Amino acid sequence: MTGVTEWLLTGMLNYGSALLGVALFLAALGIPLPASVLLMAAGAFTSQGVLPLEGAVVAATSGAVAGDACSYLVGRFSLRWVPSSVLASGGWARAAASFARWGGWGVFFSRFLLTPIALPVNLLAGSTRYAWARFMSAVVAGEVVWVFLFGGLGHLFANQWEALSRLAADIGAVVLGLALVAAGLWALIAHRRAH
């Protein structure tokens, strides 16, 4: 475990669910914090009676959702710095149309399955003016799955949560790698069909 992770775990023991919520908020804004590890640890701490279960669930979910909402707004309001020639290009319009069609699923799955791309998805959703209500619906649903999945695993396997968090990180890296390979193949096939 890194020093930051140990410091956050100690802080969670001292300050409770509030620290968990703040850490997940900051992680959703792109600050590199071990969010999934903290969530599994929080699940283990609830199993051991160190944290109240309801408080940990509310803090984790609300912190992650609030961070996602803020990063969406960063994407939305950063458009004023994008050159108008880029916004007028056909590529930007196609990206916005594609995101409008499939973005909800991308937002949902990037909350718990492809977590390393969650921040870019939030920024893309905001910058393409993806509907706020649709974005937030997918965010809330995905974050609830993430909290119950990772926190639940930590709660269920309280004595082995550290090994489980390492395994989850490895599986997440494999899933992300497979998704990137699939996206690359899809782009290659689409490019060849176009030419």
C-alpha atoms as a PDB file:
ATOM      1  CA  MET A   1       0.000   0.000   0.000  1.00  0.00           C
ATOM      2  CA  THR A   2       1.172   3.515  -0.740  1.00  0.00           C
ATOM      3  CA  GLY A   3       1.551   6.241   1.838  1.00  0.00           C
ATOM      4  CA  VAL A   4      -1.495   8.088   0.479  1.00  0.00           C
ATOM      5  CA  THR A   5      -3.650   4.975   0.748  1.00  0.00           C
ATOM      6  CA  GLU A   6      -2.505   4.320   4.310  1.00  0.00           C
ATOM      7  CA  TRP A   7      -3.106   7.954   5.241  1.00  0.00           C
ATOM      8  CA  LEU A   8      -6.626   7.845   3.755  1.00  0.00           C
ATOM      9  CA  LEU A   9      -7.443   4.565   5.510  1.00  0.00           C
ATOM     10  CA  THR A  10      -6.260   5.977   8.831  1.00  0.00           C
ATOM     11  CA  GLY A  11      -8.244   9.123   8.147  1.00  0.00           C
ATOM     12  CA  MET A  12     -11.343   7.079   7.414  1.00  0.00           C
ATOM     13  CA  LEU A  13     -10.941   5.331  10.765  1.00  0.00           C
ATOM     14  CA  ASN A  14     -10.559   8.698  12.516  1.00  0.00           C
ATOM     15  CA  TYR A  15     -13.056  10.850  10.590  1.00  0.00           C
ATOM     16  CA  GLY A  16     -15.478   8.194   9.382  1.00  0.00           C
ATOM     17  CA  SER A  17     -17.701   8.314   6.355  1.00  0.00           C
ATOM     18  CA  ALA A  18     -17.155  12.035   5.781  1.00  0.00           C
ATOM     19  CA  LEU A  19     -13.575  11.400   4.678  1.00  0.00           C
ATOM     20  CA  LEU A  20     -14.782   8.609   2.377  1.00  0.00           C
ATOM     21  CA  GLY A  21     -17.256  10.963   0.699  1.00  0.00           C
ATOM     22  CA  VAL A  22     -14.676  13.732   0.254  1.00  0.00           C
ATOM     23  CA  ALA A  23     -12.082  11.309  -1.137  1.00  0.00           C
ATOM     24  CA  LEU A  24     -14.545   9.858  -3.662  1.00  0.00           C
ATOM     25  CA  PHE A  25     -15.607  13.375  -4.658  1.00  0.00           C
ATOM     26  CA  LEU A  26     -11.982  14.340  -5.324  1.00  0.00           C
ATOM     27  CA  ALA A  27     -11.314  11.075  -7.176  1.00  0.00           C
ATOM     28  CA  ALA A  28     -14.276  11.766  -9.473  1.00  0.00           C
ATOM     29  CA  LEU A  29     -12.696  15.140 -10.271  1.00  0.00           C
ATOM     30  CA  GLY A  30      -9.565  13.362 -11.488  1.00  0.00           C
ATOM     31  CA  ILE A  31      -7.322  13.519  -8.440  1.00  0.00           C
ATOM     32  CA  PRO A  32      -5.510  10.170  -8.444  1.00  0.00           C
ATOM     33  CA  LEU A  33      -6.824   8.584  -5.269  1.00  0.00           C
ATOM     34  CA  PRO A  34      -7.427   4.852  -4.700  1.00  0.00           C
ATOM     35  CA  ALA A  35     -11.221   5.164  -4.802  1.00  0.00           C
ATOM     36  CA  SER A  36     -12.070   1.482  -5.289  1.00  0.00           C
ATOM     37  CA  VAL A  37      -9.619   0.467  -2.553  1.00  0.00           C
ATOM     38  CA  LEU A  38     -11.211   2.978  -0.169  1.00  0.00           C
ATOM     39  CA  LEU A  39     -14.644   1.661  -1.040  1.00  0.00           C
ATOM     40  CA  MET A  40     -13.633  -1.936  -0.344  1.00  0.00           C
ATOM     41  CA  ALA A  41     -11.974  -0.855   2.896  1.00  0.00           C
ATOM     42  CA  ALA A  42     -15.125   1.016   3.892  1.00  0.00           C
ATOM     43  CA  GLY A  43     -17.124  -2.153   3.256  1.00  0.00           C
ATOM     44  CA  ALA A  44     -14.731  -4.097   5.473  1.00  0.00           C
ATOM     45  CA  PHE A  45     -14.931  -1.395   8.153  1.00  0.00           C
ATOM     46  CA  THR A  46     -18.750  -1.588   8.124  1.00  0.00           C
ATOM     47  CA  SER A  47     -18.533  -5.352   8.574  1.00  0.00           C
ATOM     48  CA  GLN A  48     -16.245  -4.857  11.558  1.00  0.00           C
ATOM     49  CA  GLY A  49     -18.511  -2.209  13.088  1.00  0.00           C
ATOM     50  CA  VAL A  50     -15.984   0.605  12.661  1.00  0.00           C
ATOM     51  CA  LEU A  51     -18.179   2.580  10.202  1.00  0.00           C
ATOM     52  CA  PRO A  52     -21.971   2.730  10.136  1.00  0.00           C
ATOM     53  CA  LEU A  53     -23.240   0.966   7.001  1.00  0.00           C
ATOM     54  CA  GLU A  54     -25.889   3.531   6.054  1.00  0.00           C
ATOM     55  CA  GLY A  55     -23.550   6.466   6.574  1.00  0.00           C
ATOM     56  CA  ALA A  56     -20.822   4.888   4.463  1.00  0.00           C
ATOM     57  CA  VAL A  57     -23.252   4.106   1.612  1.00  0.00           C
ATOM     58  CA  VAL A  58     -24.704   7.638   1.615  1.00  0.00           C
ATOM     59  CA  ALA A  59     -21.283   9.327   1.854  1.00  0.00           C
ATOM     60  CA  ALA A  60     -19.725   7.181  -0.873  1.00  0.00           C
ATOM     61  CA  THR A  61     -22.624   7.547  -3.292  1.00  0.00           C
ATOM     62  CA  SER A  62     -23.160  11.261  -2.754  1.00  0.00           C
ATOM     63  CA  GLY A  63     -19.431  12.057  -2.930  1.00  0.00           C
ATOM     64  CA  ALA A  64     -18.958  10.150  -6.190  1.00  0.00           C
ATOM     65  CA  VAL A  65     -22.138  11.562  -7.780  1.00  0.00           C
ATOM     66  CA  ALA A  66     -21.244  15.133  -6.787  1.00  0.00           C
ATOM     67  CA  GLY A  67     -17.748  14.754  -8.247  1.00  0.00           C
ATOM     68  CA  ASP A  68     -19.157  13.392 -11.502  1.00  0.00           C
ATOM     69  CA  ALA A  69     -21.622  16.283 -11.703  1.00  0.00           C
ATOM     70  CA  CYS A  70     -18.832  18.821 -11.191  1.00  0.00           C
ATOM     71  CA  SER A  71     -16.601  17.254 -13.840  1.00  0.00           C
ATOM     72  CA  TYR A  72     -19.562  17.286 -16.280  1.00  0.00           C
ATOM     73  CA  LEU A  73     -19.952  21.009 -15.598  1.00  0.00           C
ATOM     74  CA  VAL A  74     -16.224  21.561 -16.198  1.00  0.00           C
ATOM     75  CA  GLY A  75     -16.662  19.960 -19.628  1.00  0.00           C
ATOM     76  CA  ARG A  76     -19.780  21.995 -20.314  1.00  0.00           C
ATOM     77  CA  PHE A  77     -18.294  25.364 -19.400  1.00  0.00           C
ATOM     78  CA  SER A  78     -14.895  24.710 -20.979  1.00  0.00           C
ATOM     79  CA  LEU A  79     -16.464  24.941 -24.426  1.00  0.00           C
ATOM     80  CA  ARG A  80     -15.893  28.678 -24.483  1.00  0.00           C
ATOM     81  CA  TRP A  81     -12.138  27.994 -24.849  1.00  0.00           C
ATOM     82  CA  VAL A  82     -12.557  25.555 -27.745  1.00  0.00           C
ATOM     83  CA  PRO A  83     -11.912  27.280 -31.088  1.00  0.00           C
ATOM     84  CA  SER A  84     -15.100  27.850 -33.068  1.00  0.00           C
ATOM     85  CA  SER A  85     -13.513  26.128 -36.078  1.00  0.00           C
ATOM     86  CA  VAL A  86     -13.318  22.900 -34.059  1.00  0.00           C
ATOM     87  CA  LEU A  87     -16.920  23.202 -32.905  1.00  0.00           C
ATOM     88  CA  ALA A  88     -18.071  23.885 -36.464  1.00  0.00           C
ATOM     89  CA  SER A  89     -16.244  20.854 -37.836  1.00  0.00           C
ATOM     90  CA  GLY A  90     -18.154  17.772 -38.857  1.00  0.00           C
ATOM     91  CA  GLY A  91     -16.058  15.663 -36.487  1.00  0.00           C
ATOM     92  CA  TRP A  92     -17.340  17.494 -33.418  1.00  0.00           C
ATOM     93  CA  ALA A  93     -20.946  17.177 -34.602  1.00  0.00           C
ATOM     94  CA  ARG A  94     -20.466  13.438 -35.238  1.00  0.00           C
ATOM     95  CA  ALA A  95     -18.919  12.955 -31.802  1.00  0.00           C
ATOM     96  CA  ALA A  96     -21.835  14.793 -30.184  1.00  0.00           C
ATOM     97  CA  ALA A  97     -24.384  12.755 -32.164  1.00  0.00           C
ATOM     98  CA  SER A  98     -22.645   9.497 -31.319  1.00  0.00           C
ATOM     99  CA  PHE A  99     -22.464  10.429 -27.647  1.00  0.00           C
ATOM    100  CA  ALA A 100     -26.137  11.431 -27.666  1.00  0.00           C
ATOM    101  CA  ARG A 101     -26.987   7.966 -28.962  1.00  0.00           C
ATOM    102  CA  TRP A 102     -24.676   5.769 -26.852  1.00  0.00           C
ATOM    103  CA  GLY A 103     -23.431   8.088 -24.133  1.00  0.00           C
ATOM    104  CA  GLY A 104     -25.790   6.886 -21.421  1.00  0.00           C
ATOM    105  CA  TRP A 105     -24.354   3.388 -21.590  1.00  0.00           C
ATOM    106  CA  GLY A 106     -20.828   4.780 -21.640  1.00  0.00           C
ATOM    107  CA  VAL A 107     -21.534   6.867 -18.563  1.00  0.00           C
ATOM    108  CA  PHE A 108     -23.184   3.949 -16.760  1.00  0.00           C
ATOM    109  CA  PHE A 109     -20.464   1.361 -17.432  1.00  0.00           C
ATOM    110  CA  SER A 110     -17.585   3.774 -16.784  1.00  0.00           C
ATOM    111  CA  ARG A 111     -18.777   4.220 -13.193  1.00  0.00           C
ATOM    112  CA  PHE A 112     -17.972   0.648 -12.132  1.00  0.00           C
ATOM    113  CA  LEU A 113     -16.567  -1.416 -15.008  1.00  0.00           C
ATOM    114  CA  LEU A 114     -14.247   0.962 -16.875  1.00  0.00           C
ATOM    115  CA  THR A 115     -13.498   3.403 -14.059  1.00  0.00           C
ATOM    116  CA  PRO A 116     -10.242   4.796 -15.544  1.00  0.00           C
ATOM    117  CA  ILE A 117     -12.238   6.452 -18.343  1.00  0.00           C
ATOM    118  CA  ALA A 118     -14.964   7.912 -16.105  1.00  0.00           C
ATOM    119  CA  LEU A 119     -13.461  11.421 -16.000  1.00  0.00           C
ATOM    120  CA  PRO A 120     -12.948  11.708 -19.789  1.00  0.00           C
ATOM    121  CA  VAL A 121     -16.509  10.438 -20.287  1.00  0.00           C
ATOM    122  CA  ASN A 122     -17.811  13.116 -17.903  1.00  0.00           C
ATOM    123  CA  LEU A 123     -15.866  15.835 -19.711  1.00  0.00           C
ATOM    124  CA  LEU A 124     -17.048  14.575 -23.098  1.00  0.00           C
ATOM    125  CA  ALA A 125     -20.654  14.464 -21.899  1.00  0.00           C
ATOM    126  CA  GLY A 126     -20.446  18.043 -20.723  1.00  0.00           C
ATOM    127  CA  SER A 127     -18.604  19.358 -23.764  1.00  0.00           C
ATOM    128  CA  THR A 128     -21.043  17.728 -26.210  1.00  0.00           C
ATOM    129  CA  ARG A 129     -23.972  19.112 -24.190  1.00  0.00           C
ATOM    130  CA  TYR A 130     -25.313  15.669 -23.387  1.00  0.00           C
ATOM    131  CA  ALA A 131     -28.624  16.095 -21.573  1.00  0.00           C
ATOM    132  CA  TRP A 132     -28.061  16.772 -17.857  1.00  0.00           C
ATOM    133  CA  ALA A 133     -30.968  14.594 -16.704  1.00  0.00           C
ATOM    134  CA  ARG A 134     -29.857  11.628 -18.822  1.00  0.00           C
ATOM    135  CA  PHE A 135     -26.256  12.057 -17.639  1.00  0.00           C
ATOM    136  CA  MET A 136     -27.205  12.227 -13.979  1.00  0.00           C
ATOM    137  CA  SER A 137     -29.562   9.231 -14.269  1.00  0.00           C
ATOM    138  CA  ALA A 138     -26.745   7.112 -15.703  1.00  0.00           C
ATOM    139  CA  VAL A 139     -24.289   8.464 -13.108  1.00  0.00           C
ATOM    140  CA  VAL A 140     -26.531   7.709 -10.140  1.00  0.00           C
ATOM    141  CA  ALA A 141     -27.352   4.213 -11.410  1.00  0.00           C
ATOM    142  CA  GLY A 142     -23.694   3.436 -12.152  1.00  0.00           C
ATOM    143  CA  GLU A 143     -22.383   4.836  -8.871  1.00  0.00           C
ATOM    144  CA  VAL A 144     -24.970   2.872  -6.874  1.00  0.00           C
ATOM    145  CA  VAL A 145     -23.811  -0.305  -8.640  1.00  0.00           C
ATOM    146  CA  TRP A 146     -20.172   0.613  -7.933  1.00  0.00           C
ATOM    147  CA  VAL A 147     -20.779   1.359  -4.241  1.00  0.00           C
ATOM    148  CA  PHE A 148     -22.765  -1.820  -3.660  1.00  0.00           C
ATOM    149  CA  LEU A 149     -20.437  -3.986  -5.764  1.00  0.00           C
ATOM    150  CA  PHE A 150     -17.082  -2.863  -4.327  1.00  0.00           C
ATOM    151  CA  GLY A 151     -18.341  -1.917  -0.882  1.00  0.00           C
ATOM    152  CA  GLY A 152     -20.325  -5.140  -0.738  1.00  0.00           C
ATOM    153  CA  LEU A 153     -17.282  -7.208  -1.644  1.00  0.00           C
ATOM    154  CA  GLY A 154     -15.306  -5.458   1.088  1.00  0.00           C
ATOM    155  CA  HIS A 155     -18.142  -6.080   3.546  1.00  0.00           C
ATOM    156  CA  LEU A 156     -18.498  -9.720   2.561  1.00  0.00           C
ATOM    157  CA  PHE A 157     -14.770 -10.478   2.532  1.00  0.00           C
ATOM    158  CA  ALA A 158     -13.742  -8.143   5.349  1.00  0.00           C
ATOM    159  CA  ASN A 159     -10.630 -10.115   6.289  1.00  0.00           C
ATOM    160  CA  GLN A 160      -9.348 -10.359   2.699  1.00  0.00           C
ATOM    161  CA  TRP A 161     -10.320  -6.946   1.311  1.00  0.00           C
ATOM    162  CA  GLU A 162      -6.709  -5.940   0.555  1.00  0.00           C
ATOM    163  CA  ALA A 163      -6.073  -8.989  -1.652  1.00  0.00           C
ATOM    164  CA  LEU A 164      -9.499  -8.551  -3.213  1.00  0.00           C
ATOM    165  CA  SER A 165      -8.795  -4.908  -4.068  1.00  0.00           C
ATOM    166  CA  ARG A 166      -5.562  -5.904  -5.835  1.00  0.00           C
ATOM    167  CA  LEU A 167      -7.470  -8.553  -7.802  1.00  0.00           C
ATOM    168  CA  ALA A 168     -10.180  -6.030  -8.725  1.00  0.00           C
ATOM    169  CA  ALA A 169      -7.523  -3.607  -9.999  1.00  0.00           C
ATOM    170  CA  ASP A 170      -5.958  -6.331 -12.141  1.00  0.00           C
ATOM    171  CA  ILE A 171      -9.340  -7.364 -13.561  1.00  0.00           C
ATOM    172  CA  GLY A 172     -10.186  -3.711 -14.235  1.00  0.00           C
ATOM    173  CA  ALA A 173      -6.944  -3.267 -16.182  1.00  0.00           C
ATOM    174  CA  VAL A 174      -7.700  -6.353 -18.294  1.00  0.00           C
ATOM    175  CA  VAL A 175     -11.255  -5.182 -19.011  1.00  0.00           C
ATOM    176  CA  LEU A 176      -9.995  -1.720 -19.980  1.00  0.00           C
ATOM    177  CA  GLY A 177      -7.344  -3.259 -22.250  1.00  0.00           C
ATOM    178  CA  LEU A 178      -9.925  -5.459 -23.965  1.00  0.00           C
ATOM    179  CA  ALA A 179     -12.263  -2.482 -24.404  1.00  0.00           C
ATOM    180  CA  LEU A 180      -9.472  -0.426 -25.986  1.00  0.00           C
ATOM    181  CA  VAL A 181      -8.565  -3.280 -28.358  1.00  0.00           C
ATOM    182  CA  ALA A 182     -12.241  -3.673 -29.329  1.00  0.00           C
ATOM    183  CA  ALA A 183     -12.560   0.087 -29.903  1.00  0.00           C
ATOM    184  CA  GLY A 184      -9.413   0.084 -32.030  1.00  0.00           C
ATOM    185  CA  LEU A 185     -10.671  -2.814 -34.144  1.00  0.00           C
ATOM    186  CA  TRP A 186     -14.047  -1.131 -34.561  1.00  0.00           C
ATOM    187  CA  ALA A 187     -12.341   2.119 -35.667  1.00  0.00           C
ATOM    188  CA  LEU A 188     -10.107   0.235 -38.102  1.00  0.00           C
ATOM    189  CA  ILE A 189     -13.056  -1.592 -39.659  1.00  0.00           C
ATOM    190  CA  ALA A 190     -15.073   1.640 -39.887  1.00  0.00           C
ATOM    191  CA  HIS A 191     -12.123   3.416 -41.512  1.00  0.00           C
ATOM    192  CA  ARG A 192     -11.644   0.651 -44.095  1.00  0.00           C
ATOM    193  CA  ARG A 193     -15.352   0.624 -44.934  1.00  0.00           C
ATOM    194  CA  ALA A 194     -15.295   4.385 -45.421  1.00  0.00           C
ATOM    195  CA  HIS A 195     -12.435   4.069 -47.908  1.00  0.00           C
END
